[in-house]
Amino acid sequence: ASAPRWSLALPLIAGGLAILLSGLAALAMYAFDERADLALQGKILGVAHTIESELRDTQASSPERLLEEIRSANSPPIASIILRDASNTTIAEVGTRIPGGEIRKIEIFPGPPAGPPDRLESHGQGRRGRRGRKGLEISLVPGAGRPPLRIRLLFPLTILMGLGLVVLARISGRSFERRYGASIREAQARHFEALGRAGAGLAHQLRNPLATIKGNCQLMGESLADPKLLKRCHQAIQQAQRMENMLETLLDYARPPSPEITEFPVSELFQEFESMYPELQGTADASILIRADREHLRQVLEVLISNAFAHSPEGEPVELSSMLEGEWTVLQVSDRGPGPGEHPEDLFEPYVTTRPDGSGLGLSIARSLVEANGGSIELVHREAGGAEARVRLPGRAG
């Protein structure tokens, strides 16, 4: 069974939750901005109303003093106040405008005075000029009307929390997958171990009877004169030998491998197989070194090359090559056969084979040997058809 894709599912769920939280945070930020702006607008309107009321009072003979008192009482957010008449002439100005601050303009209507003329007449407006509308230009300090810092940090903090949630979900998903995969591999290892022990016990029980049959056939063959009977006797001996080979393979699978790691050039091993298989096309860099048990690696390559020739069409070559990938040496056995199928991993299970004469243990033994040497093995589809067996073992450039 394949492990659930927790490393994909959990980040997707966390990402959706992060988007939802970010949307809520953005909505909250908008609400806080609107609230702060409305509060500021209300304060400014209150200041304008106070100025308007005071200007109607005949006692307000000094607009500068009035505006300064109001500005001081409302600083911040008000930095400066300018009072202008209907013709946009400045009547009074207090405070200092700060660069970057917002400016709000409001019209007020002080109305006619109830008492004697005040200082407004000194600006050439007279009683009649004061009856018209006037303008207030209120300059705010930079950042006025914005929510507090803790509120402004709500949205970016939510984004960071969402990203952290996705990263945490990714890490948790990978952890779940590793644990699930480890439990599956442990269960498979126990199953295969029990299967191997049972097969090994059966093989031990069959070896003696099989040796007896083979020995008796050999003795009978020495005394037979009839060519037909002699041929049948030789066939029986060949089948007995084939069964002995199968039992030996089963015992090899049941034995736990104990590698003796050495470092040697890959090209030396390639030369051995090129002499054994003249049709094999091998390309090995003499500078590439590999760290493994030489005999174990020889068994692995023998299984892979034998399978490649068994599945390759007649006349199609089998290629053996090597390359470096970081701290790994990769050996590749490639053919132009039908390929490893839709589920290549199934071929590494015991007693699964696509060869009529196969025992179904070759690839299982090859994987156990490679893993015992600290490496990995896989079957992949080859471009333009065929299969490619990739063996990864520790290595380096010589």
Foldseek 3Di string as FASTA:
>chain_A
DAFDQLLPVLLVVLLVVLVVLLVVLVVLQVVLLVVLQVVVVVVVVVLLVVLLQLLQEPVPQDSQVVQVVSQVVCPPFWAKKWKFFPVRHTDYIDGDADPQWDKDKDKHASAFHPDDDGNSVVVVCPRVRNRDIMMMITTTDHPRSHGDPVSVCSNVVSNVVSVVSSVVSNVVSVVSSVVVVVVVVVVQVVVVLVVLVVLLVVLVVVPVVLVVLLVVLVVVLVVDDDPVSNVVSVVSNVVSVLVNVLSVLSNLLNDQDDADKDKAFPVVLVVVVCVVPVLEAEDEDRQKIFITRPVLVNLLVVLLQVVQVQFADPPWGWYWYWDDDPQKIKIKIWGQGQFCPPDNVVLLRAQDDPDPSDRSHSSVSNQSRLVSQVWGWTWDADPPHTIMIIIIGGIDGD
